[in-house]
């Protein structure tokens, strides 16, 4: 009898402990400690070396493939409205232009990059499948098994070495995300909107060495413009400032124009990543004067490293001649 009572007590205690621990597990199974933390947007933004996206003019025709590298990311991010980004990626987004000049957009679980490439375009994916995006030939392939998609769209048939004729969009999940996504649909939707926004009817790329007289673009001038527009504006203003015909000038496809005559050189050069130290002020803008009287560099926008470098090599010119030239040409080159 004593033995039976001992067994009964043991069974009862086991049942009690089972019930207690069961209730404890049930009460905590949905607690924050027992679940994976919900995915969130990055707390630090933009990332190191990244830039906040700023409004820029959209290119037309084939001019998107001739954009300076830092302008390019702002154009691609801005070509898709922020609400569209959020709708495609399924929630709030953050946008930036990363250290490489690409458009970089993230949601809590997804990561997208968009840039333009010269040929050959790196794919780093599986066998590409031909598709059509906004009337342009394209190819899409898996970017890691179940990890994302990579899409490349041919925007122009140009073979000019100074252009980037192929748009590439990569959509993938962040490492902590375990949800299933239709990466293909996302990539195609973003590419369709982006391509349509940057290829509206407009000019074709110029022939090699083609020159045009071009008045400054109102409101922006050479800032965030395609390289041909920058070069033509520089040559037009240099021709007017020196009172010489444009056929005496040497345009360069990467945004510069110069006149060389009997050892004298006068040049205007656009930089999309110029100096970051401007202790002087010229034409109402922050500037850097090297002290030689031969070179000055002027910051064109407060929130961008786009600059204009003016050089005048001529031992017979007055010392302040270069500053006077800058005061004359900078306002129209800013579209004023």
Foldseek 3Di string as FASTA:
>chain_A
DVVVVVVVVVVVVVVVVVVVVVVVCVVPCPPPVNDDDQFFDDPDPDDVQKAAQDDDDFAEAQLLQQWDLQLNQSNLVVLADQVRVCVLVVHHKGWIQHNRSWIWMDGRWKIKTKGFAAPPDDACFPDWDWDAALNFIKTKGANPVQFAIKIKTQQDPDPDPSTRRIMIMIMGTDPVDDDHDPRVVSVRVSRNSSSCSRHHHDDYDDDVPDEDQDFADAQAFLPSGGQNSLQNLQLNLVCVLVVHDSVQWDTDSRRKIWHDDPNKIKMKGKDQADDDDFPDAALNFGKDDPPPLFKIKTQLDPRGRIIIIIGIDDPPDDSCPRSVSCNPRNVRSRND
